[in-house]
Amino acid sequence: MEGQEEIRQVDDGLLNEDQLRAEQDRGHRARRIYENDLFKDAAEAIKDDIWKAFRKSNLDDDAIRRTLRLQLDLLDGFLQTFRHHMETGMLAQIDLELIEEKAKRIPKRVV
């Protein structure tokens, strides 16, 4: 019975393999975008523009400062989404490697 449980667990992992591969692919695509020089320059330019507007704003202009803070938070959240996909992709790759490793250790059945 123990051998059958091992096979079932691997089979359960293989059922999820397509999803893991999709996450891995998404992570690779996110990394290509996030590490792209044009993307980095654009994100940095947006951040710089927000900070310039903040420094130029009046100290008592709370509405403008709140709006600028919101813009910074949105930019950070946008960039965090890419980092999240990159991390998820790396974890998916580790899971796929574990599934492959486990499948190699289980003797194949001859039918």
N, C-alpha and C. Protein backbone atom coordinates (compact mmCIF):
# COMPACT_ATOMS: atom_id res chain seq x y z
N MET A 1 0.82 -1.20 0.00
CA MET A 1 0.00 0.00 0.00
C MET A 1 0.86 1.26 0.00
N GLU A 2 2.00 1.19 0.66
CA GLU A 2 2.86 2.37 0.76
C GLU A 2 3.36 2.80 -0.62
N GLY A 3 3.72 1.84 -1.46
CA GLY A 3 4.16 2.16 -2.81
C GLY A 3 3.08 2.85 -3.62
N GLN A 4 1.83 2.41 -3.43
CA GLN A 4 0.72 3.02 -4.15
C GLN A 4 0.52 4.47 -3.70
N GLU A 5 0.73 4.72 -2.41
CA GLU A 5 0.58 6.09 -1.90
C GLU A 5 1.62 7.01 -2.53
N GLU A 6 2.86 6.50 -2.67
CA GLU A 6 3.91 7.28 -3.33
C GLU A 6 3.50 7.64 -4.75
N ILE A 7 2.99 6.66 -5.47
CA ILE A 7 2.59 6.90 -6.86
C ILE A 7 1.46 7.91 -6.93
N ARG A 8 0.49 7.79 -6.02
CA ARG A 8 -0.64 8.73 -6.01
C ARG A 8 -0.15 10.14 -5.77
N GLN A 9 0.79 10.30 -4.84
CA GLN A 9 1.31 11.64 -4.55
C GLN A 9 2.03 12.21 -5.77
N VAL A 10 2.80 11.39 -6.45
CA VAL A 10 3.46 11.87 -7.66
C VAL A 10 2.42 12.21 -8.72
N ASP A 11 1.41 11.32 -8.86
CA ASP A 11 0.35 11.61 -9.84
C ASP A 11 -0.35 12.91 -9.50
N ASP A 12 -0.62 13.15 -8.21
CA ASP A 12 -1.24 14.43 -7.82
C ASP A 12 -0.35 15.59 -8.23
N GLY A 13 0.95 15.43 -8.05
CA GLY A 13 1.88 16.47 -8.45
C GLY A 13 1.88 16.67 -9.96
N LEU A 14 1.81 15.58 -10.70
CA LEU A 14 1.81 15.68 -12.15
C LEU A 14 0.52 16.33 -12.67
N LEU A 15 -0.59 16.13 -11.96
CA LEU A 15 -1.82 16.81 -12.35
C LEU A 15 -1.65 18.31 -12.26
N ASN A 16 -0.81 18.75 -11.36
CA ASN A 16 -0.58 20.17 -11.15
C ASN A 16 0.61 20.69 -11.97
N GLU A 17 1.23 19.80 -12.71
CA GLU A 17 2.44 20.16 -13.44
C GLU A 17 2.19 21.26 -14.47
N ASP A 18 1.06 21.22 -15.15
CA ASP A 18 0.75 22.27 -16.14
C ASP A 18 0.65 23.64 -15.47
N GLN A 19 0.02 23.66 -14.32
CA GLN A 19 -0.11 24.92 -13.58
C GLN A 19 1.27 25.41 -13.12
N LEU A 20 2.10 24.49 -12.65
CA LEU A 20 3.45 24.87 -12.22
C LEU A 20 4.27 25.39 -13.40
N ARG A 21 4.14 24.74 -14.55
CA ARG A 21 4.87 25.20 -15.73
C ARG A 21 4.37 26.59 -16.16
N ALA A 22 3.08 26.82 -16.03
CA ALA A 22 2.53 28.14 -16.37
C ALA A 22 3.09 29.21 -15.41
N GLU A 23 3.17 28.87 -14.13
CA GLU A 23 3.74 29.81 -13.14
C GLU A 23 5.22 30.05 -13.42
N GLN A 24 5.92 28.99 -13.78
CA GLN A 24 7.34 29.11 -14.09
C GLN A 24 7.52 30.02 -15.30
N ASP A 25 6.71 29.82 -16.33
CA ASP A 25 6.78 30.64 -17.54
C ASP A 25 6.45 32.10 -17.22
N ARG A 26 5.42 32.31 -16.42
CA ARG A 26 5.04 33.67 -16.03
C ARG A 26 6.19 34.35 -15.28
N GLY A 27 6.85 33.59 -14.43
CA GLY A 27 7.99 34.13 -13.69
C GLY A 27 9.13 34.53 -14.61
N HIS A 28 9.41 33.69 -15.62
CA HIS A 28 10.46 34.03 -16.59
C HIS A 28 10.10 35.29 -17.38
N ARG A 29 8.82 35.37 -17.79
CA ARG A 29 8.39 36.56 -18.54
C ARG A 29 8.45 37.81 -17.68
N ALA A 30 8.03 37.68 -16.41
CA ALA A 30 8.09 38.83 -15.50
C ALA A 30 9.53 39.30 -15.31
N ARG A 31 10.45 38.34 -15.17
CA ARG A 31 11.86 38.69 -14.99
C ARG A 31 12.41 39.42 -16.22
N ARG A 32 12.04 38.93 -17.42
CA ARG A 32 12.53 39.59 -18.64
C ARG A 32 12.05 41.05 -18.70
N ILE A 33 10.82 41.28 -18.30
CA ILE A 33 10.29 42.64 -18.31
C ILE A 33 10.95 43.47 -17.21
N TYR A 34 10.94 42.94 -15.99
CA TYR A 34 11.43 43.67 -14.82
C TYR A 34 12.91 44.05 -14.96
N GLU A 35 13.69 43.18 -15.59
CA GLU A 35 15.11 43.44 -15.74
C GLU A 35 15.46 44.15 -17.03
N ASN A 36 14.46 44.46 -17.85
CA ASN A 36 14.67 45.18 -19.10
C ASN A 36 15.07 46.62 -18.80
N ASP A 37 16.12 47.10 -19.44
CA ASP A 37 16.63 48.44 -19.18
C ASP A 37 15.59 49.54 -19.46
N LEU A 38 14.83 49.38 -20.53
CA LEU A 38 13.81 50.38 -20.85
C LEU A 38 12.74 50.43 -19.77
N PHE A 39 12.32 49.26 -19.29
CA PHE A 39 11.32 49.18 -18.22
C PHE A 39 11.87 49.82 -16.95
N LYS A 40 13.11 49.50 -16.59
CA LYS A 40 13.72 50.07 -15.38
C LYS A 40 13.81 51.59 -15.49
N ASP A 41 14.24 52.06 -16.67
CA ASP A 41 14.35 53.51 -16.87
C ASP A 41 12.99 54.19 -16.76
N ALA A 42 11.97 53.59 -17.33
CA ALA A 42 10.62 54.17 -17.27
C ALA A 42 10.12 54.22 -15.83
N ALA A 43 10.29 53.14 -15.08
CA ALA A 43 9.84 53.10 -13.69
C ALA A 43 10.59 54.15 -12.86
N GLU A 44 11.88 54.25 -13.08
CA GLU A 44 12.68 55.24 -12.34
C GLU A 44 12.28 56.67 -12.71
N ALA A 45 12.00 56.92 -13.99
CA ALA A 45 11.57 58.25 -14.44
C ALA A 45 10.24 58.63 -13.81
N ILE A 46 9.32 57.68 -13.74
CA ILE A 46 8.02 57.95 -13.12
C ILE A 46 8.22 58.29 -11.64
N LYS A 47 9.02 57.50 -10.97
CA LYS A 47 9.29 57.74 -9.54
C LYS A 47 9.94 59.12 -9.33
N ASP A 48 10.90 59.44 -10.18
CA ASP A 48 11.57 60.75 -10.08
C ASP A 48 10.59 61.89 -10.30
N ASP A 49 9.70 61.74 -11.27
CA ASP A 49 8.71 62.78 -11.55
C ASP A 49 7.77 62.98 -10.36
N ILE A 50 7.38 61.90 -9.73
CA ILE A 50 6.51 62.01 -8.56
C ILE A 50 7.22 62.74 -7.44
N TRP A 51 8.48 62.37 -7.19
CA TRP A 51 9.24 63.04 -6.12
C TRP A 51 9.49 64.52 -6.44
N LYS A 52 9.74 64.83 -7.69
CA LYS A 52 9.92 66.24 -8.09
C LYS A 52 8.64 67.03 -7.80
N ALA A 53 7.50 66.45 -8.16
CA ALA A 53 6.22 67.12 -7.91
C ALA A 53 5.98 67.27 -6.40
N PHE A 54 6.38 66.27 -5.64
CA PHE A 54 6.24 66.34 -4.18
C PHE A 54 7.08 67.49 -3.60
N ARG A 55 8.32 67.58 -4.05
CA ARG A 55 9.21 68.65 -3.54
C ARG A 55 8.72 70.04 -3.94
N LYS A 56 8.07 70.14 -5.10
CA LYS A 56 7.56 71.43 -5.56
C LYS A 56 6.22 71.80 -4.91
N SER A 57 5.55 70.82 -4.33
CA SER A 57 4.22 71.09 -3.76
C SER A 57 4.34 71.93 -2.49
N ASN A 58 3.28 72.68 -2.21
CA ASN A 58 3.24 73.48 -0.99
C ASN A 58 3.09 72.55 0.22
N LEU A 59 3.70 72.95 1.31
CA LEU A 59 3.65 72.14 2.53
C LEU A 59 2.23 71.93 3.03
N ASP A 60 1.36 72.91 2.77
CA ASP A 60 0.00 72.80 3.28
C ASP A 60 -0.98 72.20 2.26
N ASP A 61 -0.47 71.73 1.13
CA ASP A 61 -1.34 71.15 0.09
C ASP A 61 -1.46 69.63 0.31
N ASP A 62 -2.28 69.30 1.29
CA ASP A 62 -2.44 67.89 1.67
C ASP A 62 -3.03 67.04 0.54
N ALA A 63 -3.94 67.60 -0.22
CA ALA A 63 -4.59 66.83 -1.29
C ALA A 63 -3.57 66.40 -2.34
N ILE A 64 -2.72 67.31 -2.75
CA ILE A 64 -1.69 66.99 -3.75
C ILE A 64 -0.71 65.98 -3.18
N ARG A 65 -0.29 66.18 -1.95
CA ARG A 65 0.68 65.26 -1.33
C ARG A 65 0.09 63.86 -1.15
N ARG A 66 -1.18 63.79 -0.81
CA ARG A 66 -1.83 62.48 -0.70
C ARG A 66 -1.90 61.80 -2.07
N THR A 67 -2.22 62.57 -3.09
CA THR A 67 -2.29 62.03 -4.45
C THR A 67 -0.92 61.52 -4.89
N LEU A 68 0.12 62.29 -4.60
CA LEU A 68 1.47 61.87 -4.97
C LEU A 68 1.89 60.62 -4.20
N ARG A 69 1.52 60.56 -2.94
CA ARG A 69 1.82 59.37 -2.13
C ARG A 69 1.10 58.15 -2.71
N LEU A 70 -0.14 58.34 -3.12
CA LEU A 70 -0.91 57.26 -3.73
C LEU A 70 -0.23 56.79 -5.02
N GLN A 71 0.26 57.75 -5.81
CA GLN A 71 0.96 57.39 -7.04
C GLN A 71 2.21 56.56 -6.74
N LEU A 72 2.96 56.95 -5.73
CA LEU A 72 4.14 56.17 -5.34
C LEU A 72 3.75 54.77 -4.88
N ASP A 73 2.70 54.69 -4.09
CA ASP A 73 2.23 53.39 -3.62
C ASP A 73 1.78 52.50 -4.78
N LEU A 74 1.10 53.09 -5.76
CA LEU A 74 0.65 52.34 -6.93
C LEU A 74 1.85 51.84 -7.75
N LEU A 75 2.84 52.70 -7.93
CA LEU A 75 4.04 52.30 -8.66
C LEU A 75 4.74 51.16 -7.92
N ASP A 76 4.89 51.30 -6.61
CA ASP A 76 5.53 50.24 -5.82
C ASP A 76 4.74 48.93 -5.92
N GLY A 77 3.41 49.02 -5.86
CA GLY A 77 2.57 47.83 -5.99
C GLY A 77 2.71 47.18 -7.36
N PHE A 78 2.78 48.01 -8.38
CA PHE A 78 2.97 47.53 -9.75
C PHE A 78 4.28 46.75 -9.86
N LEU A 79 5.35 47.33 -9.34
CA LEU A 79 6.66 46.66 -9.39
C LEU A 79 6.68 45.41 -8.52
N GLN A 80 5.98 45.46 -7.38
CA GLN A 80 5.91 44.30 -6.50
C GLN A 80 5.20 43.13 -7.18
N THR A 81 4.25 43.43 -8.04
CA THR A 81 3.55 42.37 -8.78
C THR A 81 4.55 41.59 -9.64
N PHE A 82 5.47 42.28 -10.28
CA PHE A 82 6.49 41.60 -11.08
C PHE A 82 7.40 40.77 -10.19
N ARG A 83 7.82 41.33 -9.06
CA ARG A 83 8.68 40.58 -8.14
C ARG A 83 7.96 39.34 -7.62
N HIS A 84 6.68 39.48 -7.33
CA HIS A 84 5.88 38.33 -6.87
C HIS A 84 5.85 37.22 -7.92
N HIS A 85 5.61 37.59 -9.18
CA HIS A 85 5.57 36.59 -10.24
C HIS A 85 6.94 35.93 -10.42
N MET A 86 8.01 36.71 -10.26
CA MET A 86 9.34 36.14 -10.38
C MET A 86 9.59 35.12 -9.27
N GLU A 87 9.21 35.47 -8.05
CA GLU A 87 9.39 34.55 -6.92
C GLU A 87 8.52 33.30 -7.07
N THR A 88 7.28 33.49 -7.47
CA THR A 88 6.37 32.37 -7.68
C THR A 88 6.92 31.44 -8.77
N GLY A 89 7.48 32.02 -9.81
CA GLY A 89 8.07 31.23 -10.89
C GLY A 89 9.26 30.41 -10.41
N MET A 90 10.08 31.00 -9.55
CA MET A 90 11.22 30.26 -9.00
C MET A 90 10.74 29.11 -8.12
N LEU A 91 9.71 29.36 -7.31
CA LEU A 91 9.16 28.30 -6.46
C LEU A 91 8.54 27.18 -7.31
N ALA A 92 7.88 27.57 -8.39
CA ALA A 92 7.29 26.57 -9.29
C ALA A 92 8.39 25.72 -9.91
N GLN A 93 9.49 26.34 -10.27
CA GLN A 93 10.61 25.60 -10.85
C GLN A 93 11.16 24.58 -9.84
N ILE A 94 11.27 24.99 -8.59
CA ILE A 94 11.73 24.08 -7.53
C ILE A 94 10.75 22.93 -7.38
N ASP A 95 9.45 23.23 -7.37
CA ASP A 95 8.43 22.18 -7.27
C ASP A 95 8.51 21.20 -8.43
N LEU A 96 8.70 21.73 -9.64
CA LEU A 96 8.81 20.86 -10.81
C LEU A 96 10.04 19.95 -10.71
N GLU A 97 11.14 20.50 -10.23
CA GLU A 97 12.34 19.69 -10.06
C GLU A 97 12.11 18.60 -9.02
N LEU A 98 11.39 18.92 -7.95
CA LEU A 98 11.09 17.91 -6.93
C LEU A 98 10.19 16.81 -7.48
N ILE A 99 9.22 17.19 -8.29
CA ILE A 99 8.32 16.21 -8.90
C ILE A 99 9.12 15.28 -9.81
N GLU A 100 10.00 15.86 -10.63
CA GLU A 100 10.81 15.05 -11.53
C GLU A 100 11.73 14.11 -10.74
N GLU A 101 12.32 14.63 -9.68
CA GLU A 101 13.20 13.83 -8.84
C GLU A 101 12.44 12.67 -8.20
N LYS A 102 11.26 12.97 -7.69
CA LYS A 102 10.44 11.96 -7.04
C LYS A 102 10.00 10.90 -8.05
N ALA A 103 9.65 11.32 -9.25
CA ALA A 103 9.21 10.39 -10.28
C ALA A 103 10.34 9.44 -10.68
N LYS A 104 11.57 9.93 -10.65
CA LYS A 104 12.71 9.09 -11.00
C LYS A 104 12.96 8.02 -9.94
N ARG A 105 12.63 8.31 -8.68
CA ARG A 105 12.87 7.37 -7.60
C ARG A 105 11.84 6.26 -7.51
N ILE A 106 10.68 6.47 -8.09
CA ILE A 106 9.62 5.47 -8.02
C ILE A 106 9.79 4.49 -9.16
N PRO A 107 9.88 3.19 -8.84
CA PRO A 107 10.04 2.21 -9.92
C PRO A 107 8.80 2.19 -10.81
N LYS A 108 9.08 2.07 -12.09
CA LYS A 108 7.98 2.02 -13.05
C LYS A 108 7.32 0.65 -13.01
N ARG A 109 6.01 0.64 -13.15
CA ARG A 109 5.26 -0.60 -13.16
C ARG A 109 5.27 -1.19 -14.57
N VAL A 110 5.39 -2.47 -14.60
CA VAL A 110 5.28 -3.17 -15.89
C VAL A 110 3.88 -3.75 -15.95
N VAL A 111 3.15 -3.37 -16.99
CA VAL A 111 1.77 -3.81 -17.11
C VAL A 111 1.67 -4.92 -18.13
